[in-house]
C-alpha atoms as a PDB file:
ATOM      1  CA  UNK A   1      50.157 124.522 -53.552  1.00  0.00           C
ATOM      2  CA  UNK A   2      48.259 126.745 -51.108  1.00  0.00           C
ATOM      3  CA  UNK A   3      45.017 126.040 -53.001  1.00  0.00           C
ATOM      4  CA  UNK A   4      45.609 122.287 -52.651  1.00  0.00           C
ATOM      5  CA  UNK A   5      46.283 122.649 -48.922  1.00  0.00           C
ATOM      6  CA  UNK A   6      43.093 124.676 -48.543  1.00  0.00           C
ATOM      7  CA  UNK A   7      41.105 121.989 -50.391  1.00  0.00           C
ATOM      8  CA  UNK A   8      42.534 119.215 -48.204  1.00  0.00           C
ATOM      9  CA  UNK A   9      41.853 121.119 -44.976  1.00  0.00           C
ATOM     10  CA  UNK A  10      38.339 121.995 -46.127  1.00  0.00           C
ATOM     11  CA  UNK A  11      37.584 118.307 -46.766  1.00  0.00           C
ATOM     12  CA  UNK A  12      39.053 117.207 -43.438  1.00  0.00           C
ATOM     13  CA  UNK A  13      36.946 119.762 -41.583  1.00  0.00           C
ATOM     14  CA  UNK A  14      33.819 118.758 -43.513  1.00  0.00           C
ATOM     15  CA  UNK A  15      34.329 115.118 -42.536  1.00  0.00           C
ATOM     16  CA  UNK A  16      35.056 116.019 -38.916  1.00  0.00           C
ATOM     17  CA  UNK A  17      31.890 118.095 -38.673  1.00  0.00           C
ATOM     18  CA  UNK A  18      29.768 115.248 -40.052  1.00  0.00           C
ATOM     19  CA  UNK A  19      31.012 112.999 -37.265  1.00  0.00           C
ATOM     20  CA  UNK A  20      30.660 115.623 -34.572  1.00  0.00           C
ATOM     21  CA  UNK A  21      34.408 116.042 -34.193  1.00  0.00           C
ATOM     22  CA  UNK A  22      35.962 119.397 -33.373  1.00  0.00           C
ATOM     23  CA  UNK A  23      36.261 121.702 -36.357  1.00  0.00           C
ATOM     24  CA  UNK A  24      39.440 123.606 -37.084  1.00  0.00           C
ATOM     25  CA  UNK A  25      37.963 126.309 -39.343  1.00  0.00           C
ATOM     26  CA  UNK A  26      39.661 129.648 -38.945  1.00  0.00           C
ATOM     27  CA  UNK A  27      37.285 132.080 -37.259  1.00  0.00           C
ATOM     28  CA  UNK A  28      37.581 134.608 -40.068  1.00  0.00           C
ATOM     29  CA  UNK A  29      36.703 132.145 -42.871  1.00  0.00           C
ATOM     30  CA  UNK A  30      33.395 133.170 -44.394  1.00  0.00           C
ATOM     31  CA  UNK A  31      30.410 130.816 -44.227  1.00  0.00           C
ATOM     32  CA  UNK A  32      30.212 130.765 -48.023  1.00  0.00           C
ATOM     33  CA  UNK A  33      33.716 129.307 -48.258  1.00  0.00           C
ATOM     34  CA  UNK A  34      32.888 126.663 -45.607  1.00  0.00           C
ATOM     35  CA  UNK A  35      29.916 125.318 -47.536  1.00  0.00           C
ATOM     36  CA  UNK A  36      30.471 121.722 -48.742  1.00  0.00           C
ATOM     37  CA  UNK A  37      30.068 120.781 -52.398  1.00  0.00           C
ATOM     38  CA  UNK A  38      26.461 120.601 -53.540  1.00  0.00           C
ATOM     39  CA  UNK A  39      24.646 117.653 -55.034  1.00  0.00           C
ATOM     40  CA  UNK A  40      25.474 118.631 -58.615  1.00  0.00           C
ATOM     41  CA  UNK A  41      29.189 118.799 -57.762  1.00  0.00           C
ATOM     42  CA  UNK A  42      29.069 115.377 -56.103  1.00  0.00           C
ATOM     43  CA  UNK A  43      27.116 113.935 -59.020  1.00  0.00           C
ATOM     44  CA  UNK A  44      29.588 115.297 -61.571  1.00  0.00           C
ATOM     45  CA  UNK A  45      32.511 113.964 -59.549  1.00  0.00           C
ATOM     46  CA  UNK A  46      30.895 110.539 -59.216  1.00  0.00           C
ATOM     47  CA  UNK A  47      30.439 110.297 -62.953  1.00  0.00           C
ATOM     48  CA  UNK A  48      34.002 111.455 -63.617  1.00  0.00           C
ATOM     49  CA  UNK A  49      32.762 114.698 -65.099  1.00  0.00           C
ATOM     50  CA  UNK A  50      30.833 113.015 -67.908  1.00  0.00           C
ATOM     51  CA  UNK A  51      27.173 113.301 -68.676  1.00  0.00           C
ATOM     52  CA  UNK A  52      25.496 110.028 -69.689  1.00  0.00           C
ATOM     53  CA  UNK A  53      24.825 109.744 -73.401  1.00  0.00           C
ATOM     54  CA  UNK A  54      21.143 110.038 -74.184  1.00  0.00           C
ATOM     55  CA  UNK A  55      19.461 107.050 -75.836  1.00  0.00           C
ATOM     56  CA  UNK A  56      22.076 104.423 -74.978  1.00  0.00           C
ATOM     57  CA  UNK A  57      23.581 103.022 -71.804  1.00  0.00           C
ATOM     58  CA  UNK A  58      26.580 104.982 -70.604  1.00  0.00           C
ATOM     59  CA  UNK A  59      29.589 103.173 -69.177  1.00  0.00           C
ATOM     60  CA  UNK A  60      28.772 104.978 -65.921  1.00  0.00           C
ATOM     61  CA  UNK A  61      25.164 103.774 -65.626  1.00  0.00           C
ATOM     62  CA  UNK A  62      24.648 100.904 -63.174  1.00  0.00           C
ATOM     63  CA  UNK A  63      23.314  98.504 -65.818  1.00  0.00           C
ATOM     64  CA  UNK A  64      26.651  98.811 -67.638  1.00  0.00           C
ATOM     65  CA  UNK A  65      28.731  98.218 -64.485  1.00  0.00           C
ATOM     66  CA  UNK A  66      28.915  94.596 -63.355  1.00  0.00           C
ATOM     67  CA  UNK A  67      30.688  95.132 -60.033  1.00  0.00           C
ATOM     68  CA  UNK A  68      33.256  92.380 -60.539  1.00  0.00           C
ATOM     69  CA  UNK A  69      36.283  94.468 -59.543  1.00  0.00           C
ATOM     70  CA  UNK A  70      36.910  96.857 -56.680  1.00  0.00           C
ATOM     71  CA  UNK A  71      36.966  99.776 -59.140  1.00  0.00           C
ATOM     72  CA  UNK A  72      33.583  98.751 -60.582  1.00  0.00           C
ATOM     73  CA  UNK A  73      32.145  98.332 -57.075  1.00  0.00           C
ATOM     74  CA  UNK A  74      33.360 101.834 -56.203  1.00  0.00           C
ATOM     75  CA  UNK A  75      31.689 103.213 -59.345  1.00  0.00           C
ATOM     76  CA  UNK A  76      28.408 101.548 -58.341  1.00  0.00           C
ATOM     77  CA  UNK A  77      28.762 102.976 -54.836  1.00  0.00           C
ATOM     78  CA  UNK A  78      29.365 106.436 -56.310  1.00  0.00           C
ATOM     79  CA  UNK A  79      26.353 106.110 -58.598  1.00  0.00           C
ATOM     80  CA  UNK A  80      23.821 104.919 -56.001  1.00  0.00           C
ATOM     81  CA  UNK A  81      25.141 107.208 -53.261  1.00  0.00           C
ATOM     82  CA  UNK A  82      25.013 110.281 -55.472  1.00  0.00           C
ATOM     83  CA  UNK A  83      21.543 109.389 -56.782  1.00  0.00           C
ATOM     84  CA  UNK A  84      20.330 109.073 -53.163  1.00  0.00           C
ATOM     85  CA  UNK A  85      22.222 112.156 -51.945  1.00  0.00           C
ATOM     86  CA  UNK A  86      24.337 110.112 -49.533  1.00  0.00           C
ATOM     87  CA  UNK A  87      28.088 110.823 -49.378  1.00  0.00           C
ATOM     88  CA  UNK A  88      29.792 108.336 -51.743  1.00  0.00           C
ATOM     89  CA  UNK A  89      32.805 108.084 -49.441  1.00  0.00           C
ATOM     90  CA  UNK A  90      30.563 106.926 -46.601  1.00  0.00           C
ATOM     91  CA  UNK A  91      28.986 104.196 -48.743  1.00  0.00           C
ATOM     92  CA  UNK A  92      32.416 102.974 -49.857  1.00  0.00           C
ATOM     93  CA  UNK A  93      33.584 102.980 -46.232  1.00  0.00           C
ATOM     94  CA  UNK A  94      30.598 100.819 -45.225  1.00  0.00           C
ATOM     95  CA  UNK A  95      31.316  98.380 -48.074  1.00  0.00           C
ATOM     96  CA  UNK A  96      35.010  98.229 -47.172  1.00  0.00           C
ATOM     97  CA  UNK A  97      34.214  97.571 -43.509  1.00  0.00           C
ATOM     98  CA  UNK A  98      31.329  95.162 -44.049  1.00  0.00           C
ATOM     99  CA  UNK A  99      32.682  92.946 -46.825  1.00  0.00           C
ATOM    100  CA  UNK A 100      36.123  94.110 -47.899  1.00  0.00           C
ATOM    101  CA  UNK A 101      34.606  94.636 -51.399  1.00  0.00           C
ATOM    102  CA  UNK A 102      33.706  90.920 -51.641  1.00  0.00           C
ATOM    103  CA  UNK A 103      30.298  90.581 -53.373  1.00  0.00           C
ATOM    104  CA  UNK A 104      29.993  86.967 -52.103  1.00  0.00           C
ATOM    105  CA  UNK A 105      30.565  87.836 -48.430  1.00  0.00           C
ATOM    106  CA  UNK A 106      28.360  85.937 -45.981  1.00  0.00           C
ATOM    107  CA  UNK A 107      28.432  86.543 -42.231  1.00  0.00           C
ATOM    108  CA  UNK A 108      27.781  83.982 -39.509  1.00  0.00           C
ATOM    109  CA  UNK A 109      24.555  85.898 -38.741  1.00  0.00           C
ATOM    110  CA  UNK A 110      23.290  85.557 -42.318  1.00  0.00           C
ATOM    111  CA  UNK A 111      24.160  89.009 -43.674  1.00  0.00           C
ATOM    112  CA  UNK A 112      24.904  88.842 -47.395  1.00  0.00           C
ATOM    113  CA  UNK A 113      26.857  90.666 -50.059  1.00  0.00           C
ATOM    114  CA  UNK A 114      28.823  93.878 -50.251  1.00  0.00           C
ATOM    115  CA  UNK A 115      26.777  95.865 -47.726  1.00  0.00           C
ATOM    116  CA  UNK A 116      25.951  92.803 -45.608  1.00  0.00           C
ATOM    117  CA  UNK A 117      22.178  92.927 -45.883  1.00  0.00           C
ATOM    118  CA  UNK A 118      20.259  90.887 -43.323  1.00  0.00           C
ATOM    119  CA  UNK A 119      17.492  88.542 -44.553  1.00  0.00           C
ATOM    120  CA  UNK A 120      14.784  90.890 -43.196  1.00  0.00           C
ATOM    121  CA  UNK A 121      16.228  93.808 -45.209  1.00  0.00           C
ATOM    122  CA  UNK A 122      16.576  91.638 -48.302  1.00  0.00           C
ATOM    123  CA  UNK A 123      12.914  90.668 -48.029  1.00  0.00           C
ATOM    124  CA  UNK A 124      11.540  94.122 -47.163  1.00  0.00           C
ATOM    125  CA  UNK A 125      13.434  95.823 -49.995  1.00  0.00           C
ATOM    126  CA  UNK A 126      12.538  93.205 -52.589  1.00  0.00           C
ATOM    127  CA  UNK A 127      16.138  92.219 -53.291  1.00  0.00           C
ATOM    128  CA  UNK A 128      16.121  89.152 -55.551  1.00  0.00           C
ATOM    129  CA  UNK A 129      19.859  88.430 -55.498  1.00  0.00           C
ATOM    130  CA  UNK A 130      21.734  89.869 -52.490  1.00  0.00           C
ATOM    131  CA  UNK A 131      25.035  88.856 -54.098  1.00  0.00           C
ATOM    132  CA  UNK A 132      24.371  91.033 -57.150  1.00  0.00           C
ATOM    133  CA  UNK A 133      26.446  94.196 -56.572  1.00  0.00           C
ATOM    134  CA  UNK A 134      23.843  96.478 -58.187  1.00  0.00           C
ATOM    135  CA  UNK A 135      20.944  95.199 -56.082  1.00  0.00           C
ATOM    136  CA  UNK A 136      22.961  94.954 -52.879  1.00  0.00           C
ATOM    137  CA  UNK A 137      24.455  98.440 -53.054  1.00  0.00           C
ATOM    138  CA  UNK A 138      21.160 100.028 -54.119  1.00  0.00           C
ATOM    139  CA  UNK A 139      19.327  98.448 -51.163  1.00  0.00           C
ATOM    140  CA  UNK A 140      22.168  99.183 -48.736  1.00  0.00           C
ATOM    141  CA  UNK A 141      22.341 102.835 -49.762  1.00  0.00           C
ATOM    142  CA  UNK A 142      18.563 103.199 -49.400  1.00  0.00           C
ATOM    143  CA  UNK A 143      18.739 101.680 -45.928  1.00  0.00           C
ATOM    144  CA  UNK A 144      21.663 103.917 -44.964  1.00  0.00           C
ATOM    145  CA  UNK A 145      19.855 107.017 -46.249  1.00  0.00           C
ATOM    146  CA  UNK A 146      16.746 106.131 -44.229  1.00  0.00           C
ATOM    147  CA  UNK A 147      18.868 105.752 -41.095  1.00  0.00           C
ATOM    148  CA  UNK A 148      20.701 109.020 -41.737  1.00  0.00           C
ATOM    149  CA  UNK A 149      17.369 110.819 -42.116  1.00  0.00           C
ATOM    150  CA  UNK A 150      15.914 109.112 -39.022  1.00  0.00           C
ATOM    151  CA  UNK A 151      18.892 110.258 -36.940  1.00  0.00           C
ATOM    152  CA  UNK A 152      19.038 113.786 -38.386  1.00  0.00           C
ATOM    153  CA  UNK A 153      22.224 113.007 -40.335  1.00  0.00           C
ATOM    154  CA  UNK A 154      24.119 111.952 -37.196  1.00  0.00           C
ATOM    155  CA  UNK A 155      26.585 109.551 -38.801  1.00  0.00           C
ATOM    156  CA  UNK A 156      27.532 107.744 -35.587  1.00  0.00           C
ATOM    157  CA  UNK A 157      23.930 106.913 -34.676  1.00  0.00           C
ATOM    158  CA  UNK A 158      23.020 105.941 -38.245  1.00  0.00           C
ATOM    159  CA  UNK A 159      26.034 103.634 -38.552  1.00  0.00           C
ATOM    160  CA  UNK A 160      25.313 102.103 -35.146  1.00  0.00           C
ATOM    161  CA  UNK A 161      21.721 101.445 -36.258  1.00  0.00           C
ATOM    162  CA  UNK A 162      23.007  99.942 -39.530  1.00  0.00           C
ATOM    163  CA  UNK A 163      25.005  97.464 -37.446  1.00  0.00           C
ATOM    164  CA  UNK A 164      22.937  96.870 -34.323  1.00  0.00           C
ATOM    165  CA  UNK A 165      19.446  98.002 -35.325  1.00  0.00           C
ATOM    166  CA  UNK A 166      17.434 101.107 -34.573  1.00  0.00           C
ATOM    167  CA  UNK A 167      15.910  99.687 -31.390  1.00  0.00           C
ATOM    168  CA  UNK A 168      19.366  99.270 -29.809  1.00  0.00           C
ATOM    169  CA  UNK A 169      20.351 102.850 -30.686  1.00  0.00           C
ATOM    170  CA  UNK A 170      17.002 104.271 -29.548  1.00  0.00           C
ATOM    171  CA  UNK A 171      17.107 102.367 -26.255  1.00  0.00           C
ATOM    172  CA  UNK A 172      20.527 103.794 -25.424  1.00  0.00           C
ATOM    173  CA  UNK A 173      20.120 107.224 -27.010  1.00  0.00           C
ATOM    174  CA  UNK A 174      23.232 106.708 -29.113  1.00  0.00           C
ATOM    175  CA  UNK A 175      25.821 104.099 -30.008  1.00  0.00           C
ATOM    176  CA  UNK A 176      25.089 101.012 -27.871  1.00  0.00           C
ATOM    177  CA  UNK A 177      27.889  99.570 -25.790  1.00  0.00           C
ATOM    178  CA  UNK A 178      28.321  96.513 -27.977  1.00  0.00           C
ATOM    179  CA  UNK A 179      31.972  95.886 -28.817  1.00  0.00           C
ATOM    180  CA  UNK A 180      31.072  94.823 -32.368  1.00  0.00           C
ATOM    181  CA  UNK A 181      28.989  97.959 -33.009  1.00  0.00           C
ATOM    182  CA  UNK A 182      31.516 100.365 -31.520  1.00  0.00           C
ATOM    183  CA  UNK A 183      34.285  98.743 -33.583  1.00  0.00           C
ATOM    184  CA  UNK A 184      32.116  98.902 -36.726  1.00  0.00           C
ATOM    185  CA  UNK A 185      31.390 102.623 -36.286  1.00  0.00           C
ATOM    186  CA  UNK A 186      35.066 103.339 -35.612  1.00  0.00           C
ATOM    187  CA  UNK A 187      36.235 101.379 -38.676  1.00  0.00           C
ATOM    188  CA  UNK A 188      33.707 103.020 -41.004  1.00  0.00           C
ATOM    189  CA  UNK A 189      34.596 106.515 -39.798  1.00  0.00           C
ATOM    190  CA  UNK A 190      38.314 105.810 -40.182  1.00  0.00           C
ATOM    191  CA  UNK A 191      37.809 104.385 -43.690  1.00  0.00           C
ATOM    192  CA  UNK A 192      35.636 107.370 -44.628  1.00  0.00           C
ATOM    193  CA  UNK A 193      38.231 109.880 -43.448  1.00  0.00           C
ATOM    194  CA  UNK A 194      41.118 107.931 -45.003  1.00  0.00           C
ATOM    195  CA  UNK A 195      39.499 107.447 -48.415  1.00  0.00           C
ATOM    196  CA  UNK A 196      37.459 110.621 -48.882  1.00  0.00           C
ATOM    197  CA  UNK A 197      38.303 112.757 -51.908  1.00  0.00           C
END
């Protein structure tokens, strides 16, 4: 039971640190024990501990996952996030907030699909069908990764730029004071914390 509590607290503190929230690590906890799971650990977790079979499509490869159910959409999110070294929980939180896991979602501003890609993003990333879960999530994850890198992995700024655009974030030096953007960032962070493994 103590091991489980330690694991839960470790994950909570990891998430808090990513969002710039106060950490509650005990002062005497060694840096090695604070280190988050590496890419290989995330990749193994995303693929449910299975290695893809060589020579034929695995049930965990994106071409074998259609994205018609919430579980399949989550598997696609895990796959593309892990392949791009973006936290899978963050991608799923964006999808939950943007579209409620509805691949046919369409906003009044023209954003389409699971990750609500704008027409300019659809065009620049060569997305043929923005309502196809594979294409939409792949493009959305690539866009999110670019924003995370541009903002030095500051989740709040990257999420604000995902919603309002980089120019709005750059002009204000952080999350712009748009009600929609502030609400979006808050909802994504809450979903990420609530649903993270």
